[in-house]
Amino acid sequence: TNHLTGEIPPQIHALQSLSFLSISNNTLTNVTSAIRILTGCKNLSTLILSKNFYNESLPGDDGLVDSEGFQNLQILGLGGCQFSGQVPSWLTKLQKLEVLDLSVNNLTGLVPSWLGNLPDLFYLDLSQNLLSGNFPVELTGLPRLVRQQGTDQVDQSYLELPVFVQPENVS
């Protein structure tokens, strides 16, 4: 919550050890460029860009994120941007994703069944969108939520930084 405007500069690639970036509630623009640039931050595990890019279209181009991009991303917050479009298919490439917040946007279409294939996803917020159709049964099989062994094998020896979500206050 500052008064940041404009686009994320490409020079952010120089921050090779950047793992946590939260610049929500500003007036950033060009979400497509931001995602392209930030995929180059190889150590990024947490990315919170909520309440930016107002009324832009959430890019759906599957080629936006290549096989090298966002390989360590665990938390992605893109809520409260009033994005139009659909839940983007490039999210399937984020195989370490645990938390996904796309709430408070204007996303349309179906809830994608492929979300159920993300192996580590345990928190999904699609609230306050314009999604329609049936609830995908594939979500009932999210691996991280149905296997007890996954819970038993979680390494608790590191410091956890919880993500707090308040109603009406995305990410």
N, C-alpha and C. Protein backbone atom coordinates (compact mmCIF):
# COMPACT_ATOMS: atom_id res chain seq x y z
N THR A 1 0.85 -1.18 0.00
CA THR A 1 0.00 0.00 0.00
C THR A 1 0.89 1.24 0.00
N ASN A 2 1.37 1.56 -1.18
CA ASN A 2 2.17 2.77 -1.38
C ASN A 2 1.54 3.55 -2.53
N HIS A 3 2.32 4.30 -3.22
CA HIS A 3 1.84 5.04 -4.37
C HIS A 3 2.68 4.67 -5.58
N LEU A 4 3.01 3.38 -5.70
CA LEU A 4 3.80 2.91 -6.82
C LEU A 4 2.95 2.89 -8.08
N THR A 5 3.53 3.35 -9.18
CA THR A 5 2.82 3.39 -10.45
C THR A 5 3.72 2.83 -11.54
N GLY A 6 3.15 2.62 -12.69
CA GLY A 6 3.92 2.17 -13.85
C GLY A 6 4.12 0.68 -13.88
N GLU A 7 5.16 0.27 -14.59
CA GLU A 7 5.44 -1.15 -14.80
C GLU A 7 6.60 -1.63 -13.94
N ILE A 8 6.65 -2.92 -13.71
CA ILE A 8 7.78 -3.53 -13.02
C ILE A 8 8.97 -3.49 -13.97
N PRO A 9 10.10 -2.95 -13.52
CA PRO A 9 11.25 -2.80 -14.43
C PRO A 9 11.95 -4.14 -14.70
N PRO A 10 12.42 -4.34 -15.92
CA PRO A 10 13.11 -5.58 -16.27
C PRO A 10 14.39 -5.80 -15.45
N GLN A 11 14.95 -4.75 -14.91
CA GLN A 11 16.19 -4.85 -14.14
C GLN A 11 16.01 -5.64 -12.84
N ILE A 12 14.79 -5.97 -12.50
CA ILE A 12 14.55 -6.76 -11.29
C ILE A 12 15.24 -8.13 -11.39
N HIS A 13 15.57 -8.57 -12.62
CA HIS A 13 16.31 -9.82 -12.81
C HIS A 13 17.64 -9.83 -12.06
N ALA A 14 18.20 -8.65 -11.83
CA ALA A 14 19.48 -8.56 -11.14
C ALA A 14 19.39 -9.03 -9.69
N LEU A 15 18.19 -9.09 -9.16
CA LEU A 15 17.99 -9.56 -7.78
C LEU A 15 17.92 -11.08 -7.77
N GLN A 16 19.06 -11.72 -7.97
CA GLN A 16 19.11 -13.17 -8.15
C GLN A 16 18.63 -13.96 -6.93
N SER A 17 18.71 -13.38 -5.74
CA SER A 17 18.29 -14.10 -4.54
C SER A 17 16.89 -13.72 -4.08
N LEU A 18 16.19 -12.92 -4.86
CA LEU A 18 14.84 -12.50 -4.48
C LEU A 18 13.93 -13.72 -4.36
N SER A 19 13.36 -13.91 -3.18
CA SER A 19 12.47 -15.05 -2.99
C SER A 19 11.06 -14.63 -2.58
N PHE A 20 10.89 -13.43 -2.04
CA PHE A 20 9.59 -12.95 -1.56
C PHE A 20 9.38 -11.54 -2.09
N LEU A 21 8.30 -11.35 -2.83
CA LEU A 21 7.97 -10.03 -3.34
C LEU A 21 6.49 -9.76 -3.12
N SER A 22 6.20 -8.73 -2.35
CA SER A 22 4.83 -8.31 -2.11
C SER A 22 4.75 -6.82 -2.36
N ILE A 23 4.08 -6.46 -3.44
CA ILE A 23 3.88 -5.04 -3.76
C ILE A 23 2.40 -4.82 -4.10
N SER A 24 1.55 -5.28 -3.22
CA SER A 24 0.11 -5.17 -3.45
C SER A 24 -0.40 -3.78 -3.10
N ASN A 25 -1.60 -3.52 -3.62
CA ASN A 25 -2.35 -2.30 -3.35
C ASN A 25 -1.59 -1.05 -3.81
N ASN A 26 -1.26 -1.04 -5.08
CA ASN A 26 -0.62 0.09 -5.74
C ASN A 26 -1.34 0.34 -7.06
N THR A 27 -0.69 0.99 -7.99
CA THR A 27 -1.30 1.26 -9.28
C THR A 27 -0.36 0.78 -10.38
N LEU A 28 0.14 -0.44 -10.25
CA LEU A 28 1.02 -1.01 -11.27
C LEU A 28 0.20 -1.33 -12.52
N THR A 29 0.86 -1.31 -13.67
CA THR A 29 0.19 -1.59 -14.94
C THR A 29 0.93 -2.66 -15.71
N ASN A 30 0.26 -3.21 -16.72
CA ASN A 30 0.78 -4.20 -17.65
C ASN A 30 1.13 -5.53 -16.97
N VAL A 31 0.11 -6.25 -16.56
CA VAL A 31 0.31 -7.52 -15.88
C VAL A 31 1.05 -8.54 -16.75
N THR A 32 0.83 -8.51 -18.05
CA THR A 32 1.52 -9.45 -18.94
C THR A 32 3.03 -9.24 -18.88
N SER A 33 3.46 -8.00 -18.96
CA SER A 33 4.88 -7.69 -18.86
C SER A 33 5.42 -8.07 -17.49
N ALA A 34 4.67 -7.79 -16.44
CA ALA A 34 5.11 -8.10 -15.07
C ALA A 34 5.37 -9.60 -14.92
N ILE A 35 4.47 -10.42 -15.42
CA ILE A 35 4.64 -11.87 -15.29
C ILE A 35 5.84 -12.34 -16.10
N ARG A 36 5.99 -11.82 -17.33
CA ARG A 36 7.15 -12.19 -18.15
C ARG A 36 8.46 -11.85 -17.44
N ILE A 37 8.52 -10.66 -16.89
CA ILE A 37 9.74 -10.21 -16.21
C ILE A 37 10.00 -11.05 -14.97
N LEU A 38 8.98 -11.25 -14.15
CA LEU A 38 9.17 -11.93 -12.87
C LEU A 38 9.47 -13.42 -13.01
N THR A 39 9.12 -14.02 -14.15
CA THR A 39 9.49 -15.43 -14.34
C THR A 39 11.00 -15.60 -14.38
N GLY A 40 11.71 -14.51 -14.63
CA GLY A 40 13.17 -14.56 -14.65
C GLY A 40 13.80 -14.56 -13.27
N CYS A 41 13.02 -14.32 -12.24
CA CYS A 41 13.52 -14.36 -10.86
C CYS A 41 13.41 -15.80 -10.38
N LYS A 42 14.46 -16.55 -10.60
CA LYS A 42 14.44 -18.01 -10.43
C LYS A 42 14.18 -18.48 -9.00
N ASN A 43 14.52 -17.67 -7.99
CA ASN A 43 14.34 -18.09 -6.60
C ASN A 43 13.03 -17.62 -6.00
N LEU A 44 12.20 -16.96 -6.78
CA LEU A 44 10.96 -16.40 -6.27
C LEU A 44 10.03 -17.52 -5.79
N SER A 45 9.67 -17.47 -4.51
CA SER A 45 8.75 -18.47 -3.97
C SER A 45 7.41 -17.86 -3.58
N THR A 46 7.39 -16.56 -3.32
CA THR A 46 6.16 -15.87 -2.93
C THR A 46 6.03 -14.60 -3.76
N LEU A 47 4.89 -14.48 -4.44
CA LEU A 47 4.64 -13.31 -5.28
C LEU A 47 3.22 -12.81 -5.00
N ILE A 48 3.13 -11.64 -4.40
CA ILE A 48 1.84 -11.03 -4.08
C ILE A 48 1.74 -9.73 -4.87
N LEU A 49 0.88 -9.72 -5.87
CA LEU A 49 0.65 -8.54 -6.71
C LEU A 49 -0.80 -8.08 -6.64
N SER A 50 -1.52 -8.49 -5.63
CA SER A 50 -2.94 -8.18 -5.50
C SER A 50 -3.18 -6.68 -5.50
N LYS A 51 -4.39 -6.32 -5.94
CA LYS A 51 -4.84 -4.93 -5.98
C LYS A 51 -3.90 -4.05 -6.80
N ASN A 52 -3.59 -4.49 -7.99
CA ASN A 52 -2.82 -3.77 -9.00
C ASN A 52 -3.44 -4.10 -10.35
N PHE A 53 -2.94 -3.53 -11.40
CA PHE A 53 -3.32 -3.88 -12.77
C PHE A 53 -4.84 -3.78 -12.99
N TYR A 54 -5.47 -2.80 -12.37
CA TYR A 54 -6.93 -2.70 -12.36
C TYR A 54 -7.56 -2.74 -13.74
N ASN A 55 -8.53 -3.63 -13.86
CA ASN A 55 -9.36 -3.78 -15.06
C ASN A 55 -8.60 -4.24 -16.30
N GLU A 56 -7.42 -4.82 -16.12
CA GLU A 56 -6.70 -5.41 -17.24
C GLU A 56 -7.21 -6.83 -17.46
N SER A 57 -6.82 -7.41 -18.55
CA SER A 57 -7.16 -8.80 -18.84
C SER A 57 -6.04 -9.69 -18.31
N LEU A 58 -6.40 -10.70 -17.55
CA LEU A 58 -5.40 -11.65 -17.06
C LEU A 58 -4.92 -12.48 -18.25
N PRO A 59 -3.64 -12.43 -18.56
CA PRO A 59 -3.15 -13.10 -19.78
C PRO A 59 -3.37 -14.61 -19.72
N GLY A 60 -3.92 -15.14 -20.80
CA GLY A 60 -4.20 -16.57 -20.87
C GLY A 60 -3.23 -17.32 -21.76
N ASP A 61 -2.27 -16.61 -22.36
CA ASP A 61 -1.31 -17.21 -23.27
C ASP A 61 -0.50 -18.29 -22.56
N ASP A 62 -0.66 -19.54 -22.99
CA ASP A 62 0.03 -20.65 -22.36
C ASP A 62 1.54 -20.51 -22.45
N GLY A 63 2.04 -19.79 -23.46
CA GLY A 63 3.46 -19.59 -23.63
C GLY A 63 4.04 -18.49 -22.76
N LEU A 64 3.20 -17.81 -21.99
CA LEU A 64 3.66 -16.71 -21.14
C LEU A 64 4.70 -17.19 -20.13
N VAL A 65 4.47 -18.36 -19.56
CA VAL A 65 5.40 -18.95 -18.61
C VAL A 65 5.96 -20.20 -19.25
N ASP A 66 7.28 -20.21 -19.47
CA ASP A 66 7.89 -21.39 -20.08
C ASP A 66 8.28 -22.39 -19.00
N SER A 67 8.90 -23.48 -19.39
CA SER A 67 9.24 -24.55 -18.45
C SER A 67 10.26 -24.12 -17.41
N GLU A 68 10.96 -23.02 -17.64
CA GLU A 68 11.96 -22.53 -16.69
C GLU A 68 11.39 -21.50 -15.71
N GLY A 69 10.23 -20.92 -16.03
CA GLY A 69 9.70 -19.83 -15.23
C GLY A 69 8.91 -20.28 -14.01
N PHE A 70 9.08 -19.55 -12.93
CA PHE A 70 8.34 -19.76 -11.68
C PHE A 70 8.47 -21.19 -11.14
N GLN A 71 9.62 -21.81 -11.31
CA GLN A 71 9.80 -23.19 -10.88
C GLN A 71 9.81 -23.36 -9.36
N ASN A 72 10.01 -22.27 -8.61
CA ASN A 72 10.01 -22.34 -7.15
C ASN A 72 8.83 -21.62 -6.53
N LEU A 73 7.91 -21.13 -7.36
CA LEU A 73 6.80 -20.33 -6.85
C LEU A 73 5.82 -21.20 -6.06
N GLN A 74 5.60 -20.82 -4.80
CA GLN A 74 4.68 -21.55 -3.92
C GLN A 74 3.42 -20.75 -3.61
N ILE A 75 3.53 -19.42 -3.60
CA ILE A 75 2.40 -18.57 -3.26
C ILE A 75 2.24 -17.52 -4.36
N LEU A 76 1.04 -17.44 -4.92
CA LEU A 76 0.74 -16.46 -5.95
C LEU A 76 -0.55 -15.74 -5.59
N GLY A 77 -0.46 -14.43 -5.36
CA GLY A 77 -1.62 -13.62 -5.03
C GLY A 77 -1.89 -12.61 -6.13
N LEU A 78 -3.01 -12.79 -6.82
CA LEU A 78 -3.44 -11.88 -7.88
C LEU A 78 -4.89 -11.47 -7.65
N GLY A 79 -5.27 -11.32 -6.40
CA GLY A 79 -6.65 -10.98 -6.07
C GLY A 79 -6.90 -9.49 -6.09
N GLY A 80 -8.15 -9.12 -6.26
CA GLY A 80 -8.58 -7.74 -6.15
C GLY A 80 -8.13 -6.83 -7.27
N CYS A 81 -7.84 -7.38 -8.42
CA CYS A 81 -7.37 -6.58 -9.56
C CYS A 81 -8.48 -6.27 -10.55
N GLN A 82 -9.64 -6.88 -10.38
CA GLN A 82 -10.74 -6.75 -11.32
C GLN A 82 -10.35 -7.25 -12.71
N PHE A 83 -9.50 -8.30 -12.73
CA PHE A 83 -9.08 -8.90 -14.00
C PHE A 83 -10.28 -9.45 -14.76
N SER A 84 -10.24 -9.32 -16.07
CA SER A 84 -11.19 -10.01 -16.93
C SER A 84 -10.45 -11.21 -17.52
N GLY A 85 -11.19 -12.05 -18.22
CA GLY A 85 -10.59 -13.24 -18.82
C GLY A 85 -10.96 -14.48 -18.05
N GLN A 86 -10.20 -15.53 -18.29
CA GLN A 86 -10.45 -16.82 -17.64
C GLN A 86 -9.26 -17.19 -16.77
N VAL A 87 -9.44 -18.21 -15.95
CA VAL A 87 -8.32 -18.71 -15.15
C VAL A 87 -7.27 -19.20 -16.15
N PRO A 88 -6.07 -18.63 -16.14
CA PRO A 88 -5.09 -18.90 -17.20
C PRO A 88 -4.46 -20.28 -17.11
N SER A 89 -4.30 -20.90 -18.26
CA SER A 89 -3.76 -22.27 -18.31
C SER A 89 -2.28 -22.33 -17.99
N TRP A 90 -1.55 -21.21 -18.06
CA TRP A 90 -0.13 -21.25 -17.72
C TRP A 90 0.09 -21.58 -16.25
N LEU A 91 -0.94 -21.49 -15.44
CA LEU A 91 -0.82 -21.87 -14.03
C LEU A 91 -0.50 -23.36 -13.87
N THR A 92 -0.83 -24.17 -14.85
CA THR A 92 -0.53 -25.62 -14.77
C THR A 92 0.97 -25.87 -14.69
N LYS A 93 1.77 -24.92 -15.13
CA LYS A 93 3.22 -25.09 -15.11
C LYS A 93 3.84 -24.81 -13.75
N LEU A 94 3.04 -24.31 -12.82
CA LEU A 94 3.54 -23.96 -11.49
C LEU A 94 3.39 -25.17 -10.56
N GLN A 95 4.23 -26.14 -10.75
CA GLN A 95 4.09 -27.42 -10.07
C GLN A 95 4.40 -27.39 -8.58
N LYS A 96 4.98 -26.31 -8.06
CA LYS A 96 5.23 -26.19 -6.62
C LYS A 96 4.23 -25.26 -5.95
N LEU A 97 3.24 -24.80 -6.71
CA LEU A 97 2.26 -23.85 -6.18
C LEU A 97 1.45 -24.47 -5.05
N GLU A 98 1.40 -23.78 -3.92
CA GLU A 98 0.65 -24.23 -2.75
C GLU A 98 -0.56 -23.34 -2.48
N VAL A 99 -0.42 -22.04 -2.74
CA VAL A 99 -1.47 -21.07 -2.45
C VAL A 99 -1.74 -20.26 -3.71
N LEU A 100 -3.00 -20.20 -4.12
CA LEU A 100 -3.39 -19.42 -5.28
C LEU A 100 -4.60 -18.56 -4.93
N ASP A 101 -4.44 -17.24 -5.03
CA ASP A 101 -5.53 -16.31 -4.76
C ASP A 101 -5.84 -15.54 -6.02
N LEU A 102 -7.00 -15.82 -6.60
CA LEU A 102 -7.52 -15.09 -7.75
C LEU A 102 -8.85 -14.44 -7.41
N SER A 103 -9.09 -14.19 -6.15
CA SER A 103 -10.36 -13.65 -5.69
C SER A 103 -10.56 -12.19 -6.11
N VAL A 104 -11.81 -11.77 -6.06
CA VAL A 104 -12.22 -10.39 -6.31
C VAL A 104 -11.70 -9.89 -7.66
N ASN A 105 -12.01 -10.66 -8.68
CA ASN A 105 -11.73 -10.29 -10.07
C ASN A 105 -13.02 -10.46 -10.85
N ASN A 106 -12.94 -10.40 -12.16
CA ASN A 106 -14.10 -10.61 -13.02
C ASN A 106 -13.84 -11.78 -13.96
N LEU A 107 -13.23 -12.82 -13.44
CA LEU A 107 -12.90 -13.98 -14.26
C LEU A 107 -14.18 -14.72 -14.63
N THR A 108 -14.24 -15.19 -15.87
CA THR A 108 -15.42 -15.88 -16.38
C THR A 108 -15.04 -17.30 -16.81
N GLY A 109 -16.04 -18.04 -17.22
CA GLY A 109 -15.82 -19.40 -17.70
C GLY A 109 -15.94 -20.41 -16.58
N LEU A 110 -15.44 -21.59 -16.83
CA LEU A 110 -15.52 -22.69 -15.88
C LEU A 110 -14.34 -22.67 -14.92
N VAL A 111 -14.53 -23.26 -13.75
CA VAL A 111 -13.40 -23.52 -12.87
C VAL A 111 -12.64 -24.67 -13.52
N PRO A 112 -11.38 -24.47 -13.89
CA PRO A 112 -10.66 -25.50 -14.64
C PRO A 112 -10.40 -26.76 -13.81
N SER A 113 -10.69 -27.89 -14.42
CA SER A 113 -10.47 -29.16 -13.72
C SER A 113 -8.99 -29.43 -13.50
N TRP A 114 -8.12 -28.87 -14.36
CA TRP A 114 -6.68 -29.13 -14.21
C TRP A 114 -6.10 -28.55 -12.93
N LEU A 115 -6.81 -27.67 -12.24
CA LEU A 115 -6.34 -27.20 -10.94
C LEU A 115 -6.17 -28.37 -9.98
N GLY A 116 -6.95 -29.41 -10.18
CA GLY A 116 -6.85 -30.61 -9.34
C GLY A 116 -5.58 -31.40 -9.57
N ASN A 117 -4.81 -31.05 -10.60
CA ASN A 117 -3.55 -31.75 -10.89
C ASN A 117 -2.33 -31.07 -10.29
N LEU A 118 -2.50 -29.91 -9.67
CA LEU A 118 -1.37 -29.24 -9.05
C LEU A 118 -1.01 -29.98 -7.76
N PRO A 119 0.14 -30.62 -7.71
CA PRO A 119 0.45 -31.58 -6.65
C PRO A 119 0.54 -30.99 -5.25
N ASP A 120 0.89 -29.72 -5.10
CA ASP A 120 1.08 -29.14 -3.77
C ASP A 120 0.01 -28.13 -3.37
N LEU A 121 -0.96 -27.87 -4.25
CA LEU A 121 -1.97 -26.87 -3.97
C LEU A 121 -2.84 -27.28 -2.79
N PHE A 122 -2.92 -26.40 -1.78
CA PHE A 122 -3.81 -26.68 -0.65
C PHE A 122 -4.70 -25.50 -0.31
N TYR A 123 -4.48 -24.35 -0.93
CA TYR A 123 -5.34 -23.18 -0.70
C TYR A 123 -5.66 -22.55 -2.05
N LEU A 124 -6.94 -22.47 -2.36
CA LEU A 124 -7.40 -21.92 -3.62
C LEU A 124 -8.56 -20.98 -3.34
N ASP A 125 -8.40 -19.70 -3.72
CA ASP A 125 -9.47 -18.72 -3.52
C ASP A 125 -9.87 -18.15 -4.87
N LEU A 126 -11.06 -18.54 -5.32
CA LEU A 126 -11.64 -18.05 -6.57
C LEU A 126 -12.90 -17.23 -6.28
N SER A 127 -13.10 -16.83 -5.04
CA SER A 127 -14.32 -16.14 -4.64
C SER A 127 -14.45 -14.78 -5.31
N GLN A 128 -15.68 -14.34 -5.43
CA GLN A 128 -16.06 -13.05 -5.99
C GLN A 128 -15.53 -12.86 -7.42
N ASN A 129 -15.84 -13.83 -8.25
CA ASN A 129 -15.58 -13.77 -9.68
C ASN A 129 -16.90 -14.03 -10.39
N LEU A 130 -16.86 -14.24 -11.68
CA LEU A 130 -18.06 -14.52 -12.47
C LEU A 130 -18.00 -15.92 -13.07
N LEU A 131 -17.39 -16.85 -12.36
CA LEU A 131 -17.23 -18.22 -12.85
C LEU A 131 -18.57 -18.94 -12.85
N SER A 132 -18.70 -19.93 -13.71
CA SER A 132 -19.97 -20.65 -13.83
C SER A 132 -19.70 -22.13 -14.05
N GLY A 133 -20.77 -22.89 -14.15
CA GLY A 133 -20.64 -24.32 -14.43
C GLY A 133 -20.60 -25.14 -13.17
N ASN A 134 -20.28 -26.42 -13.35
CA ASN A 134 -20.22 -27.36 -12.24
C ASN A 134 -18.91 -27.24 -11.48
N PHE A 135 -18.95 -27.68 -10.25
CA PHE A 135 -17.73 -27.78 -9.45
C PHE A 135 -16.93 -28.96 -9.97
N PRO A 136 -15.69 -28.77 -10.39
CA PRO A 136 -14.92 -29.88 -10.96
C PRO A 136 -14.60 -30.95 -9.91
N VAL A 137 -15.00 -32.15 -10.17
CA VAL A 137 -14.75 -33.25 -9.25
C VAL A 137 -13.24 -33.46 -9.05
N GLU A 138 -12.44 -33.05 -10.01
CA GLU A 138 -10.98 -33.21 -9.91
C GLU A 138 -10.40 -32.46 -8.72
N LEU A 139 -11.09 -31.39 -8.28
CA LEU A 139 -10.60 -30.65 -7.12
C LEU A 139 -10.72 -31.45 -5.84
N THR A 140 -11.58 -32.44 -5.83
CA THR A 140 -11.73 -33.27 -4.64
C THR A 140 -10.57 -34.25 -4.49
N GLY A 141 -9.70 -34.29 -5.49
CA GLY A 141 -8.55 -35.19 -5.44
C GLY A 141 -7.23 -34.46 -5.34
N LEU A 142 -7.25 -33.19 -4.91
CA LEU A 142 -5.99 -32.46 -4.78
C LEU A 142 -5.02 -33.28 -3.92
N PRO A 143 -3.89 -33.67 -4.49
CA PRO A 143 -2.97 -34.59 -3.80
C PRO A 143 -2.57 -34.13 -2.41
N ARG A 144 -2.34 -32.87 -2.23
CA ARG A 144 -1.88 -32.37 -0.93
C ARG A 144 -2.96 -32.47 0.15
N LEU A 145 -4.22 -32.57 -0.29
CA LEU A 145 -5.32 -32.60 0.67
C LEU A 145 -5.88 -33.99 0.93
N VAL A 146 -5.56 -34.97 0.10
CA VAL A 146 -6.14 -36.29 0.27
C VAL A 146 -5.17 -37.32 0.81
N ARG A 147 -3.86 -37.04 0.75
CA ARG A 147 -2.88 -38.03 1.21
C ARG A 147 -2.38 -37.69 2.59
N GLN A 148 -2.55 -38.58 3.52
CA GLN A 148 -2.03 -38.38 4.87
C GLN A 148 -0.51 -38.37 4.86
N GLN A 149 0.10 -39.20 4.00
CA GLN A 149 1.55 -39.27 3.98
C GLN A 149 2.16 -37.92 3.59
N GLY A 150 1.47 -37.16 2.75
CA GLY A 150 1.96 -35.83 2.39
C GLY A 150 2.05 -34.93 3.60
N THR A 151 1.07 -35.01 4.48
CA THR A 151 1.08 -34.23 5.70
C THR A 151 2.16 -34.71 6.64
N ASP A 152 2.33 -36.02 6.74
CA ASP A 152 3.33 -36.59 7.63
C ASP A 152 4.75 -36.25 7.20
N GLN A 153 4.97 -36.04 5.90
CA GLN A 153 6.30 -35.82 5.40
C GLN A 153 6.70 -34.36 5.30
N VAL A 154 5.83 -33.45 5.72
CA VAL A 154 6.15 -32.03 5.66
C VAL A 154 7.29 -31.74 6.62
N ASP A 155 8.32 -31.06 6.14
CA ASP A 155 9.47 -30.70 6.96
C ASP A 155 9.09 -29.53 7.85
N GLN A 156 8.98 -29.77 9.15
CA GLN A 156 8.60 -28.73 10.10
C GLN A 156 9.81 -28.07 10.74
N SER A 157 11.01 -28.31 10.23
CA SER A 157 12.21 -27.78 10.84
C SER A 157 12.55 -26.37 10.38
N TYR A 158 11.78 -25.80 9.48
CA TYR A 158 12.06 -24.46 8.99
C TYR A 158 11.03 -23.47 9.54
N LEU A 159 11.36 -22.20 9.49
CA LEU A 159 10.46 -21.17 9.95
C LEU A 159 9.35 -20.97 8.92
N GLU A 160 8.13 -21.11 9.34
CA GLU A 160 7.02 -20.91 8.43
C GLU A 160 6.56 -19.46 8.48
N LEU A 161 6.28 -18.91 7.32
CA LEU A 161 5.71 -17.57 7.22
C LEU A 161 4.28 -17.74 6.73
N PRO A 162 3.31 -17.69 7.63
CA PRO A 162 1.92 -17.93 7.22
C PRO A 162 1.38 -16.82 6.34
N VAL A 163 0.40 -17.17 5.54
CA VAL A 163 -0.32 -16.20 4.72
C VAL A 163 -1.66 -15.97 5.39
N PHE A 164 -1.91 -14.73 5.76
CA PHE A 164 -3.17 -14.40 6.41
C PHE A 164 -4.11 -13.76 5.40
N VAL A 165 -5.34 -14.20 5.39
CA VAL A 165 -6.32 -13.66 4.47
C VAL A 165 -7.51 -13.19 5.30
N GLN A 166 -7.91 -11.94 5.09
CA GLN A 166 -9.05 -11.40 5.77
C GLN A 166 -10.18 -11.22 4.77
N PRO A 167 -11.42 -11.48 5.18
CA PRO A 167 -12.54 -11.27 4.26
C PRO A 167 -12.52 -9.85 3.70
N GLU A 168 -12.80 -9.72 2.41
CA GLU A 168 -12.84 -8.44 1.72
C GLU A 168 -11.48 -7.76 1.64
N ASN A 169 -10.40 -8.46 2.01
CA ASN A 169 -9.06 -7.88 1.96
C ASN A 169 -8.14 -8.92 1.35
N VAL A 170 -8.15 -9.04 0.03
CA VAL A 170 -7.45 -10.10 -0.65
C VAL A 170 -5.97 -10.14 -0.34
N SER A 171 -5.42 -11.36 -0.31
CA SER A 171 -4.00 -11.63 -0.08
C SER A 171 -3.41 -10.81 1.02
